[in-house]
Amino acid sequence: MSNSLCGARCGYIIGRAQVFNPVNYIFLQGSKAYPIDFIFMVILILYFFIATVIGIVFVGIRFLWSPPPLRPPTDKAGSICIKSVAVARYPRVSSWAQFS
């Protein structure tokens, strides 16, 4: 807010930009004709959304659509780990059942 020329009236535009920003330039030029800047904003948002979806599909992250299938562990260490957790939890369940 300290670098803005006119505050909320002009949308907090920075008056003394150090580096050329092409998106800022397009928005400033498009704001002269009313619907052009809104159309550009919709196109920009759709581009980011579509690029994100394509990136997620391309990389192979499909947890958003379907969870990965759960398989039992095939190695002995995994089986022992799961069984030890089950055995460790059993006394708590049985002691809880006695007092309720």
N, C-alpha and C. Protein backbone atom coordinates (compact mmCIF):
# COMPACT_ATOMS: atom_id res chain seq x y z
N MET A 1 0.81 -1.18 0.00
CA MET A 1 0.00 0.00 0.00
C MET A 1 0.86 1.25 0.00
N SER A 2 2.07 1.15 0.50
CA SER A 2 2.92 2.34 0.55
C SER A 2 3.45 2.70 -0.84
N ASN A 3 3.53 1.74 -1.77
CA ASN A 3 4.02 2.02 -3.11
C ASN A 3 2.92 2.38 -4.09
N SER A 4 1.67 2.29 -3.68
CA SER A 4 0.55 2.57 -4.57
C SER A 4 0.39 4.07 -4.77
N LEU A 5 -0.01 4.43 -5.97
CA LEU A 5 -0.19 5.85 -6.28
C LEU A 5 -1.46 6.41 -5.67
N CYS A 6 -2.57 5.69 -5.83
CA CYS A 6 -3.85 6.25 -5.39
C CYS A 6 -4.65 5.29 -4.50
N GLY A 7 -4.06 4.21 -4.02
CA GLY A 7 -4.73 3.32 -3.08
C GLY A 7 -5.83 2.49 -3.72
N ALA A 8 -6.95 2.39 -3.01
CA ALA A 8 -8.05 1.53 -3.46
C ALA A 8 -8.76 2.08 -4.68
N ARG A 9 -8.68 3.39 -4.91
CA ARG A 9 -9.36 3.98 -6.08
C ARG A 9 -8.88 3.38 -7.39
N CYS A 10 -7.58 3.09 -7.50
CA CYS A 10 -7.04 2.57 -8.75
C CYS A 10 -6.62 1.12 -8.63
N GLY A 11 -7.00 0.44 -7.55
CA GLY A 11 -6.70 -0.97 -7.41
C GLY A 11 -5.29 -1.26 -6.96
N TYR A 12 -4.69 -0.35 -6.21
CA TYR A 12 -3.35 -0.52 -5.64
C TYR A 12 -2.29 -0.77 -6.72
N ILE A 13 -2.33 -0.02 -7.79
CA ILE A 13 -1.34 -0.14 -8.85
C ILE A 13 -0.02 0.44 -8.38
N ILE A 14 1.06 -0.29 -8.60
CA ILE A 14 2.38 0.19 -8.22
C ILE A 14 2.83 1.21 -9.26
N GLY A 15 3.21 2.39 -8.80
CA GLY A 15 3.55 3.47 -9.71
C GLY A 15 4.97 3.39 -10.25
N ARG A 16 5.90 2.91 -9.46
CA ARG A 16 7.29 2.88 -9.88
C ARG A 16 7.76 1.43 -9.99
N ALA A 17 7.39 0.78 -11.08
CA ALA A 17 7.77 -0.62 -11.26
C ALA A 17 9.23 -0.71 -11.70
N GLN A 18 9.96 -1.63 -11.13
CA GLN A 18 11.37 -1.81 -11.45
C GLN A 18 11.56 -2.68 -12.69
N VAL A 19 10.70 -3.68 -12.87
CA VAL A 19 10.82 -4.63 -13.96
C VAL A 19 9.53 -4.58 -14.79
N PHE A 20 9.67 -4.69 -16.10
CA PHE A 20 8.49 -4.69 -16.97
C PHE A 20 7.69 -5.96 -16.74
N ASN A 21 6.38 -5.80 -16.50
CA ASN A 21 5.48 -6.91 -16.28
C ASN A 21 4.47 -6.93 -17.43
N PRO A 22 4.55 -7.91 -18.35
CA PRO A 22 3.64 -7.90 -19.50
C PRO A 22 2.18 -8.11 -19.12
N VAL A 23 1.90 -8.87 -18.07
CA VAL A 23 0.51 -9.08 -17.66
C VAL A 23 -0.07 -7.78 -17.13
N ASN A 24 0.70 -7.05 -16.36
CA ASN A 24 0.25 -5.75 -15.86
C ASN A 24 -0.01 -4.79 -17.02
N TYR A 25 0.87 -4.80 -18.01
CA TYR A 25 0.71 -3.93 -19.16
C TYR A 25 -0.57 -4.28 -19.93
N ILE A 26 -0.83 -5.56 -20.11
CA ILE A 26 -2.04 -5.97 -20.84
C ILE A 26 -3.29 -5.57 -20.06
N PHE A 27 -3.27 -5.73 -18.75
CA PHE A 27 -4.43 -5.32 -17.95
C PHE A 27 -4.63 -3.81 -17.99
N LEU A 28 -3.56 -3.06 -17.92
CA LEU A 28 -3.70 -1.59 -17.97
C LEU A 28 -4.22 -1.12 -19.33
N GLN A 29 -3.73 -1.72 -20.40
CA GLN A 29 -4.22 -1.34 -21.72
C GLN A 29 -5.64 -1.85 -21.95
N GLY A 30 -5.95 -3.01 -21.42
CA GLY A 30 -7.29 -3.57 -21.59
C GLY A 30 -8.34 -2.88 -20.75
N SER A 31 -7.94 -2.19 -19.68
CA SER A 31 -8.91 -1.51 -18.83
C SER A 31 -9.50 -0.29 -19.52
N LYS A 32 -8.90 0.16 -20.61
CA LYS A 32 -9.45 1.30 -21.35
C LYS A 32 -10.73 0.92 -22.07
N ALA A 33 -10.83 -0.31 -22.52
CA ALA A 33 -12.06 -0.82 -23.11
C ALA A 33 -12.65 -1.80 -22.11
N TYR A 34 -13.85 -1.51 -21.60
CA TYR A 34 -14.38 -2.17 -20.41
C TYR A 34 -14.31 -3.69 -20.39
N PRO A 35 -14.88 -4.45 -21.30
CA PRO A 35 -14.92 -5.90 -21.05
C PRO A 35 -13.62 -6.64 -21.39
N ILE A 36 -12.67 -5.96 -22.02
CA ILE A 36 -11.46 -6.64 -22.46
C ILE A 36 -10.65 -7.17 -21.27
N ASP A 37 -10.52 -6.38 -20.21
CA ASP A 37 -9.73 -6.84 -19.07
C ASP A 37 -10.41 -8.01 -18.36
N PHE A 38 -11.73 -8.03 -18.29
CA PHE A 38 -12.43 -9.15 -17.68
C PHE A 38 -12.31 -10.41 -18.53
N ILE A 39 -12.38 -10.26 -19.83
CA ILE A 39 -12.22 -11.40 -20.73
C ILE A 39 -10.81 -11.98 -20.59
N PHE A 40 -9.81 -11.09 -20.52
CA PHE A 40 -8.44 -11.56 -20.34
C PHE A 40 -8.28 -12.28 -19.00
N MET A 41 -8.91 -11.78 -17.95
CA MET A 41 -8.82 -12.44 -16.65
C MET A 41 -9.46 -13.82 -16.68
N VAL A 42 -10.60 -13.97 -17.35
CA VAL A 42 -11.25 -15.28 -17.47
C VAL A 42 -10.35 -16.24 -18.25
N ILE A 43 -9.76 -15.76 -19.33
CA ILE A 43 -8.86 -16.60 -20.13
C ILE A 43 -7.66 -17.03 -19.30
N LEU A 44 -7.10 -16.12 -18.52
CA LEU A 44 -5.94 -16.43 -17.68
C LEU A 44 -6.29 -17.46 -16.60
N ILE A 45 -7.45 -17.31 -15.96
CA ILE A 45 -7.87 -18.26 -14.93
C ILE A 45 -8.14 -19.62 -15.54
N LEU A 46 -8.82 -19.67 -16.69
CA LEU A 46 -9.06 -20.95 -17.36
C LEU A 46 -7.76 -21.62 -17.78
N TYR A 47 -6.80 -20.83 -18.24
CA TYR A 47 -5.51 -21.39 -18.62
C TYR A 47 -4.82 -22.04 -17.43
N PHE A 48 -4.79 -21.35 -16.28
CA PHE A 48 -4.17 -21.93 -15.10
C PHE A 48 -4.89 -23.19 -14.63
N PHE A 49 -6.23 -23.17 -14.67
CA PHE A 49 -7.00 -24.33 -14.25
C PHE A 49 -6.75 -25.53 -15.16
N ILE A 50 -6.82 -25.31 -16.48
CA ILE A 50 -6.61 -26.40 -17.44
C ILE A 50 -5.18 -26.92 -17.37
N ALA A 51 -4.21 -26.02 -17.23
CA ALA A 51 -2.82 -26.45 -17.12
C ALA A 51 -2.60 -27.28 -15.86
N THR A 52 -3.26 -26.92 -14.76
CA THR A 52 -3.13 -27.68 -13.53
C THR A 52 -3.73 -29.08 -13.68
N VAL A 53 -4.92 -29.17 -14.27
CA VAL A 53 -5.56 -30.47 -14.46
C VAL A 53 -4.73 -31.35 -15.38
N ILE A 54 -4.25 -30.80 -16.48
CA ILE A 54 -3.42 -31.58 -17.41
C ILE A 54 -2.13 -32.03 -16.73
N GLY A 55 -1.53 -31.16 -15.93
CA GLY A 55 -0.32 -31.53 -15.21
C GLY A 55 -0.56 -32.65 -14.22
N ILE A 56 -1.68 -32.60 -13.49
CA ILE A 56 -1.99 -33.66 -12.54
C ILE A 56 -2.21 -34.97 -13.26
N VAL A 57 -2.92 -34.94 -14.38
CA VAL A 57 -3.17 -36.18 -15.14
C VAL A 57 -1.89 -36.70 -15.76
N PHE A 58 -1.07 -35.82 -16.28
CA PHE A 58 0.17 -36.24 -16.96
C PHE A 58 1.16 -36.86 -15.99
N VAL A 59 1.29 -36.28 -14.81
CA VAL A 59 2.24 -36.79 -13.83
C VAL A 59 1.75 -38.12 -13.26
N GLY A 60 0.47 -38.33 -13.25
CA GLY A 60 -0.07 -39.60 -12.80
C GLY A 60 -0.58 -39.57 -11.38
N ILE A 61 -0.85 -38.41 -10.85
CA ILE A 61 -1.41 -38.31 -9.51
C ILE A 61 -2.92 -38.44 -9.66
N ARG A 62 -3.42 -39.62 -9.36
CA ARG A 62 -4.84 -39.87 -9.56
C ARG A 62 -5.59 -40.04 -8.24
N PHE A 63 -5.00 -39.60 -7.12
CA PHE A 63 -5.66 -39.77 -5.84
C PHE A 63 -6.88 -38.88 -5.71
N LEU A 64 -7.01 -37.86 -6.57
CA LEU A 64 -8.17 -36.99 -6.50
C LEU A 64 -9.42 -37.67 -7.05
N TRP A 65 -9.23 -38.63 -7.95
CA TRP A 65 -10.37 -39.28 -8.60
C TRP A 65 -10.69 -40.63 -7.98
N SER A 66 -9.70 -41.43 -7.70
CA SER A 66 -9.94 -42.73 -7.09
C SER A 66 -8.76 -43.08 -6.18
N PRO A 67 -9.06 -43.59 -5.00
CA PRO A 67 -7.96 -43.94 -4.10
C PRO A 67 -7.21 -45.17 -4.61
N PRO A 68 -5.95 -45.28 -4.28
CA PRO A 68 -5.19 -46.44 -4.71
C PRO A 68 -5.71 -47.70 -4.02
N PRO A 69 -5.63 -48.84 -4.68
CA PRO A 69 -6.12 -50.06 -4.04
C PRO A 69 -5.21 -50.47 -2.88
N LEU A 70 -5.82 -50.96 -1.83
CA LEU A 70 -5.06 -51.41 -0.67
C LEU A 70 -4.75 -52.89 -0.83
N ARG A 71 -3.48 -53.23 -0.76
CA ARG A 71 -3.05 -54.62 -0.88
C ARG A 71 -2.39 -55.04 0.41
N PRO A 72 -2.55 -56.29 0.78
CA PRO A 72 -1.85 -56.76 1.97
C PRO A 72 -0.35 -56.81 1.71
N PRO A 73 0.45 -56.58 2.73
CA PRO A 73 1.91 -56.60 2.52
C PRO A 73 2.37 -58.01 2.12
N THR A 74 3.30 -58.05 1.19
CA THR A 74 3.79 -59.33 0.70
C THR A 74 5.07 -59.77 1.41
N ASP A 75 5.72 -58.86 2.11
CA ASP A 75 6.94 -59.25 2.81
C ASP A 75 6.64 -59.56 4.28
N LYS A 76 7.54 -60.27 4.91
CA LYS A 76 7.33 -60.70 6.29
C LYS A 76 7.38 -59.51 7.25
N ALA A 77 8.24 -58.55 6.98
CA ALA A 77 8.36 -57.40 7.88
C ALA A 77 7.08 -56.59 7.91
N GLY A 78 6.46 -56.41 6.75
CA GLY A 78 5.20 -55.68 6.70
C GLY A 78 4.10 -56.40 7.45
N SER A 79 4.05 -57.72 7.31
CA SER A 79 3.03 -58.51 8.01
C SER A 79 3.23 -58.43 9.51
N ILE A 80 4.46 -58.52 9.97
CA ILE A 80 4.75 -58.44 11.40
C ILE A 80 4.39 -57.07 11.94
N CYS A 81 4.65 -56.03 11.17
CA CYS A 81 4.33 -54.66 11.59
C CYS A 81 2.82 -54.49 11.76
N ILE A 82 2.06 -54.95 10.80
CA ILE A 82 0.60 -54.82 10.89
C ILE A 82 0.05 -55.66 12.04
N LYS A 83 0.57 -56.86 12.22
CA LYS A 83 0.10 -57.72 13.30
C LYS A 83 0.45 -57.13 14.65
N SER A 84 1.62 -56.52 14.78
CA SER A 84 2.01 -55.93 16.06
C SER A 84 1.12 -54.73 16.41
N VAL A 85 0.74 -53.97 15.42
CA VAL A 85 -0.17 -52.86 15.68
C VAL A 85 -1.52 -53.39 16.12
N ALA A 86 -2.01 -54.44 15.46
CA ALA A 86 -3.29 -55.03 15.84
C ALA A 86 -3.25 -55.59 17.25
N VAL A 87 -2.16 -56.26 17.60
CA VAL A 87 -2.04 -56.83 18.95
C VAL A 87 -1.90 -55.73 19.99
N ALA A 88 -1.19 -54.67 19.67
CA ALA A 88 -1.00 -53.57 20.61
C ALA A 88 -2.31 -52.85 20.88
N ARG A 89 -3.19 -52.81 19.93
CA ARG A 89 -4.46 -52.12 20.10
C ARG A 89 -5.50 -53.01 20.78
N TYR A 90 -5.33 -54.31 20.75
CA TYR A 90 -6.34 -55.22 21.29
C TYR A 90 -6.58 -55.03 22.79
N PRO A 91 -5.55 -54.91 23.64
CA PRO A 91 -5.84 -54.75 25.08
C PRO A 91 -6.63 -53.49 25.38
N ARG A 92 -6.40 -52.43 24.64
CA ARG A 92 -7.15 -51.19 24.87
C ARG A 92 -8.62 -51.40 24.56
N VAL A 93 -8.92 -52.11 23.48
CA VAL A 93 -10.30 -52.34 23.12
C VAL A 93 -10.98 -53.23 24.15
N SER A 94 -10.30 -54.28 24.60
CA SER A 94 -10.92 -55.17 25.57
C SER A 94 -11.09 -54.49 26.92
N SER A 95 -10.14 -53.66 27.35
CA SER A 95 -10.29 -52.98 28.64
C SER A 95 -11.38 -51.91 28.54
N TRP A 96 -11.53 -51.28 27.39
CA TRP A 96 -12.58 -50.30 27.22
C TRP A 96 -13.95 -50.98 27.26
N ALA A 97 -14.05 -52.19 26.70
CA ALA A 97 -15.32 -52.91 26.68
C ALA A 97 -15.71 -53.34 28.09
N GLN A 98 -14.77 -53.58 28.96
CA GLN A 98 -15.09 -54.01 30.32
C GLN A 98 -15.72 -52.90 31.14
N PHE A 99 -15.29 -51.65 30.88
CA PHE A 99 -15.76 -50.54 31.71
C PHE A 99 -16.98 -49.83 31.14
N SER A 100 -17.42 -50.20 29.98
CA SER A 100 -18.58 -49.49 29.44
C SER A 100 -19.85 -50.28 29.61
